[in-house]
Amino acid sequence: MAHSAVVPDIGALSSFAMQTIRQMGDEAIQFYGRGRLHPPFDQNLVTQAELHLNNSFQKAIAAQFPQHQIYGRDPLGEGYTHGAKRYLWVFDPLDGVDNFQTRIPIWGMSLALYENNWPVIGCFFMPATNDLFYAVAEQQAFWNERPLTLVDRGDLSQESLMLTFSRFHQHYRSQFPGKIRALGSTGVHACYVAMGRADAAIVANESFKDLAAVRIIVESVGAKIYRADGSDFFLGDFVDGTRIDDHLIITTPSNAESVLECLQAIH
């Protein structure tokens, strides 16, 4: 039977997404930690790895779902459709490139599926640690085979943890009562909030591709992405690839106000 005649169900699409991102992770490991030590960032290695992974991913889609769209390669659809082109795969091959090329294991890759611009599946995989986070929109989220249930304490203490971007201190004065860490990967930060290891994450310099998958995981456990002023953030406004200028806060609704009160912008 031709692929074009098959209408995959959510189970088949989820299985494909998880199998494919693990396959991409296996291929990424071939490049992991092989960057030059001097100078400390090896752009050539990162470029080579990203090109290889994007090419491998496109081959995987072409073999299984040839009529599906790939974000960044195919033009975005402007209208609702019932055809196979209603599916859009969003693949980010490397999140945390500094860690990746210097062999620090906190990095990953993300894969999302959108249907007529609505989120369907989100996966984030950390190949060096074999941690897979995934969720179907509005359903249970998982860390490997373990269901993720976010315990929302609703308060911040000295044991709280906030994850930030690397130049956070240049933009904010903080009265956060707990620990502040920058681990070097937005996707990892978001997933750690989703699993309750961190109470909040502040991210910067993101795009639709960066957040397409982890947004689904975060929302599936009851957390949200907010703008730095506390207002709601709508990722779909940036599907055209425009960079997101605002800093964003990933946390639970009950913690959002407390986190914002801890931050004072440096003008």
Protein backbone atom coordinates (compact mmCIF):
# COMPACT_ATOMS: atom_id res chain seq x y z
CA MET A 1 0.00 0.00 0.00
CA ALA A 2 1.39 3.42 -0.89
CA HIS A 3 2.36 5.71 1.95
CA SER A 4 0.08 8.44 0.59
CA ALA A 5 -2.97 6.22 1.17
CA VAL A 6 -2.17 5.61 4.82
CA VAL A 7 -3.66 7.85 7.50
CA PRO A 8 -1.45 7.20 10.56
CA ASP A 9 -3.01 7.24 14.02
CA ILE A 10 -1.47 9.03 16.97
CA GLY A 11 0.11 5.82 18.24
CA ALA A 12 1.95 5.23 14.98
CA LEU A 13 3.06 8.86 14.82
CA SER A 14 4.28 8.78 18.43
CA SER A 15 6.21 5.55 17.88
CA PHE A 16 7.83 6.98 14.77
CA ALA A 17 8.78 10.20 16.58
CA MET A 18 10.43 8.39 19.50
CA GLN A 19 12.19 5.86 17.29
CA THR A 20 13.46 8.57 14.97
CA ILE A 21 14.76 10.91 17.64
CA ARG A 22 16.63 8.01 19.27
CA GLN A 23 18.12 7.17 15.87
CA MET A 24 19.21 10.81 15.44
CA GLY A 25 20.72 10.65 18.92
CA ASP A 26 22.79 7.61 17.99
CA GLU A 27 24.11 9.50 14.98
CA ALA A 28 24.84 12.64 17.01
CA ILE A 29 27.02 10.66 19.40
CA GLN A 30 29.46 10.12 16.51
CA PHE A 31 30.28 13.86 16.71
CA TYR A 32 29.88 14.37 20.45
CA GLY A 33 32.87 15.88 22.25
CA ARG A 34 35.12 15.98 19.21
CA GLY A 35 35.47 19.74 19.05
CA ARG A 36 38.79 21.56 19.14
CA LEU A 37 39.97 22.57 22.57
CA HIS A 38 41.61 25.78 21.29
CA PRO A 39 39.79 27.97 20.49
CA PRO A 40 37.14 26.64 22.87
CA PHE A 41 34.22 26.62 20.42
CA ASP A 42 34.46 24.52 17.26
CA GLN A 43 31.85 25.89 14.85
CA ASN A 44 32.97 23.54 12.08
CA LEU A 45 32.13 20.48 14.17
CA VAL A 46 28.71 21.85 15.11
CA THR A 47 27.91 22.75 11.50
CA GLN A 48 29.00 19.33 10.28
CA ALA A 49 26.90 17.58 12.92
CA GLU A 50 23.80 19.69 12.25
CA LEU A 51 24.03 19.18 8.49
CA HIS A 52 24.41 15.44 8.95
CA LEU A 53 21.50 15.18 11.38
CA ASN A 54 19.17 17.33 9.31
CA ASN A 55 19.94 15.24 6.25
CA SER A 56 19.36 11.98 8.12
CA PHE A 57 16.08 13.28 9.52
CA GLN A 58 14.80 14.32 6.11
CA LYS A 59 15.59 10.85 4.78
CA ALA A 60 13.65 9.28 7.67
CA ILE A 61 10.60 11.42 6.91
CA ALA A 62 10.83 10.76 3.18
CA ALA A 63 10.94 7.01 3.78
CA GLN A 64 7.95 6.88 6.13
CA PHE A 65 5.80 9.96 5.47
CA PRO A 66 6.90 11.46 2.13
CA GLN A 67 4.02 13.93 1.92
CA HIS A 68 4.51 15.37 5.40
CA GLN A 69 6.11 18.80 5.67
CA ILE A 70 9.39 19.64 7.42
CA TYR A 71 9.81 22.98 9.15
CA GLY A 72 12.49 25.11 7.52
CA ARG A 73 12.51 23.09 4.31
CA ASP A 74 8.94 23.33 3.02
CA PRO A 75 6.79 26.47 2.74
CA LEU A 76 4.36 26.87 5.60
CA GLY A 77 0.74 26.07 4.76
CA GLU A 78 -1.63 29.01 4.92
CA GLY A 79 -4.91 27.15 5.20
CA TYR A 80 -6.58 24.18 6.85
CA THR A 81 -6.20 20.91 4.97
CA HIS A 82 -7.27 17.30 5.42
CA GLY A 83 -4.36 15.99 3.35
CA ALA A 84 -1.03 14.62 4.48
CA LYS A 85 0.50 18.09 4.16
CA ARG A 86 -1.39 19.10 7.29
CA TYR A 87 1.42 17.43 9.27
CA LEU A 88 4.50 19.53 9.98
CA TRP A 89 7.61 18.04 11.63
CA VAL A 90 9.85 20.43 13.56
CA PHE A 91 13.33 19.08 14.23
CA ASP A 92 16.06 20.87 16.18
CA PRO A 93 19.20 18.71 15.88
CA LEU A 94 21.30 20.29 18.65
CA ASP A 95 20.28 22.20 21.75
CA GLY A 96 23.24 23.05 23.96
CA VAL A 97 25.98 23.16 21.33
CA ASP A 98 28.66 24.43 23.73
CA ASN A 99 28.18 21.38 25.92
CA PHE A 100 27.90 19.08 22.91
CA GLN A 101 31.22 19.98 21.36
CA THR A 102 33.15 19.96 24.66
CA ARG A 103 31.68 16.62 25.85
CA ILE A 104 29.49 17.90 28.66
CA PRO A 105 26.43 15.60 28.67
CA ILE A 106 23.78 18.31 29.15
CA TRP A 107 22.56 18.73 25.57
CA GLY A 108 19.84 17.29 23.43
CA MET A 109 17.63 17.40 20.36
CA SER A 110 13.95 18.01 19.93
CA LEU A 111 11.23 16.78 17.59
CA ALA A 112 7.66 18.04 17.38
CA LEU A 113 4.69 17.26 15.19
CA TYR A 114 2.09 19.90 14.42
CA GLU A 115 -1.18 19.33 12.58
CA ASN A 116 -2.65 22.40 10.88
CA ASN A 117 -0.55 24.54 13.25
CA TRP A 118 -1.82 22.73 16.36
CA PRO A 119 0.70 20.89 18.59
CA VAL A 120 0.39 17.11 18.55
CA ILE A 121 3.62 15.43 19.77
CA GLY A 122 6.71 16.74 21.52
CA CYS A 123 9.97 14.83 22.18
CA PHE A 124 13.25 15.94 23.72
CA PHE A 125 16.14 13.45 23.84
CA MET A 126 19.47 13.68 25.67
CA PRO A 127 21.64 11.09 23.88
CA ALA A 128 24.60 11.28 26.28
CA THR A 129 22.41 10.39 29.28
CA ASN A 130 19.70 8.40 27.43
CA ASP A 131 16.92 10.60 28.84
CA LEU A 132 13.84 10.85 26.61
CA PHE A 133 11.03 13.26 27.46
CA TYR A 134 7.86 13.08 25.40
CA ALA A 135 4.19 13.93 25.42
CA VAL A 136 1.12 13.91 23.24
CA ALA A 137 -0.61 17.28 23.56
CA GLU A 138 -3.04 17.45 26.50
CA GLN A 139 -2.13 13.93 27.59
CA GLN A 140 0.32 12.40 30.05
CA ALA A 141 3.98 13.39 29.67
CA PHE A 142 6.77 10.86 30.23
CA TRP A 143 10.44 10.71 31.14
CA ASN A 144 11.56 7.48 29.52
CA GLU A 145 8.79 5.13 30.72
CA ARG A 146 7.96 7.09 33.87
CA PRO A 147 4.88 9.34 33.92
CA LEU A 148 5.69 12.93 34.77
CA THR A 149 3.54 14.36 37.55
CA LEU A 150 4.53 17.87 38.52
CA VAL A 151 4.19 18.58 42.24
CA ASP A 152 3.29 22.26 42.38
CA ARG A 153 4.37 23.47 45.81
CA GLY A 154 3.17 26.98 45.08
CA ASP A 155 5.99 28.67 46.99
CA LEU A 156 9.68 29.38 46.68
CA SER A 157 12.29 28.61 49.32
CA GLN A 158 16.04 28.36 49.77
CA GLU A 159 15.80 24.86 48.29
CA SER A 160 14.12 26.12 45.12
CA LEU A 161 16.05 26.03 41.84
CA MET A 162 15.83 28.47 38.95
CA LEU A 163 17.62 27.73 35.67
CA THR A 164 18.75 30.65 33.54
CA PHE A 165 20.55 31.63 30.37
CA SER A 166 24.27 32.33 30.48
CA ARG A 167 24.17 36.16 30.60
CA PHE A 168 21.28 36.37 33.01
CA HIS A 169 23.28 38.49 35.46
CA GLN A 170 23.76 41.18 32.81
CA HIS A 171 19.99 41.62 32.49
CA TYR A 172 18.57 41.08 35.99
CA ARG A 173 19.17 41.65 39.65
CA SER A 174 17.68 38.73 41.48
CA GLN A 175 16.20 38.18 44.92
CA PHE A 176 15.37 34.56 44.17
CA PRO A 177 15.65 32.78 47.52
CA GLY A 178 17.02 29.50 46.18
CA LYS A 179 19.73 28.35 43.81
CA ILE A 180 20.34 29.81 40.34
CA ARG A 181 22.09 27.72 37.71
CA ALA A 182 22.80 27.93 33.96
CA LEU A 183 23.23 24.42 32.52
CA GLY A 184 23.58 25.45 28.89
CA SER A 185 20.52 23.94 27.19
CA THR A 186 17.07 25.51 26.94
CA GLY A 187 15.43 22.16 26.18
CA VAL A 188 17.02 20.52 29.21
CA HIS A 189 15.97 23.46 31.39
CA ALA A 190 12.36 23.17 30.21
CA CYS A 191 12.26 19.40 30.78
CA TYR A 192 13.75 19.76 34.26
CA VAL A 193 10.91 22.15 35.11
CA ALA A 194 8.42 19.62 33.68
CA MET A 195 9.80 16.84 35.90
CA GLY A 196 9.96 19.03 39.01
CA ARG A 197 13.73 19.21 39.33
CA ALA A 198 13.61 22.97 38.83
CA ASP A 199 10.93 25.45 39.88
CA ALA A 200 11.44 27.84 36.97
CA ALA A 201 13.57 28.46 33.90
CA ILE A 202 14.29 31.78 32.23
CA VAL A 203 15.25 31.48 28.56
CA ALA A 204 16.43 33.96 25.95
CA ASN A 205 17.19 34.21 22.23
CA GLU A 206 14.76 31.48 21.24
CA SER A 207 12.74 30.68 18.13
CA PHE A 208 9.72 28.59 17.20
CA LYS A 209 11.97 25.66 16.33
CA ASP A 210 13.73 25.83 19.70
CA LEU A 211 10.51 25.64 21.71
CA ALA A 212 8.08 23.70 19.49
CA ALA A 213 8.60 20.34 21.22
CA VAL A 214 9.34 21.31 24.83
CA ARG A 215 6.30 23.57 24.85
CA ILE A 216 4.13 20.44 24.47
CA ILE A 217 5.94 18.61 27.28
CA VAL A 218 5.75 21.61 29.63
CA GLU A 219 2.06 22.21 29.01
CA SER A 220 1.23 18.52 29.42
CA VAL A 221 2.31 18.66 33.09
CA GLY A 222 0.46 21.90 33.82
CA ALA A 223 3.32 24.39 33.53
CA LYS A 224 3.34 27.30 31.08
CA ILE A 225 5.59 29.68 29.18
CA TYR A 226 5.18 33.34 30.13
CA ARG A 227 6.62 36.57 28.86
CA ALA A 228 8.95 38.42 31.22
CA ASP A 229 6.11 40.78 32.19
CA GLY A 230 3.96 37.84 33.28
CA SER A 231 1.59 37.91 30.31
CA ASP A 232 0.73 34.81 28.31
CA PHE A 233 3.13 33.79 25.56
CA PHE A 234 1.85 32.40 22.26
CA LEU A 235 4.50 30.41 20.40
CA GLY A 236 2.38 30.26 17.25
CA ASP A 237 3.01 33.97 16.73
CA PHE A 238 6.58 33.06 15.79
CA VAL A 239 5.99 30.13 13.43
CA ASP A 240 7.44 32.24 10.61
CA GLY A 241 10.89 31.88 12.18
CA THR A 242 11.12 35.36 13.70
CA ARG A 243 13.45 35.44 16.68
CA ILE A 244 11.75 35.86 20.04
CA ASP A 245 13.17 39.05 21.52
CA ASP A 246 11.46 38.73 24.89
CA HIS A 247 12.92 36.74 27.73
CA LEU A 248 10.54 33.92 28.66
CA ILE A 249 9.76 32.25 31.97
CA ILE A 250 8.81 28.57 32.20
CA THR A 251 7.09 27.70 35.44
CA THR A 252 3.78 26.71 37.01
CA PRO A 253 0.89 29.19 37.20
CA SER A 254 1.08 29.32 40.98
CA ASN A 255 4.82 30.15 40.94
CA ALA A 256 4.75 32.68 38.09
CA GLU A 257 4.03 35.75 40.21
CA SER A 258 6.59 34.81 42.87
CA VAL A 259 9.31 34.30 40.26
CA LEU A 260 8.55 37.64 38.61
CA GLU A 261 8.68 39.43 41.93
CA CYS A 262 12.24 38.13 42.43
CA LEU A 263 13.52 39.74 39.24
CA GLN A 264 14.50 43.35 38.63
CA ALA A 265 15.49 44.24 35.08
CA ILE A 266 18.76 46.13 34.61
CA HIS A 267 18.18 48.96 32.14
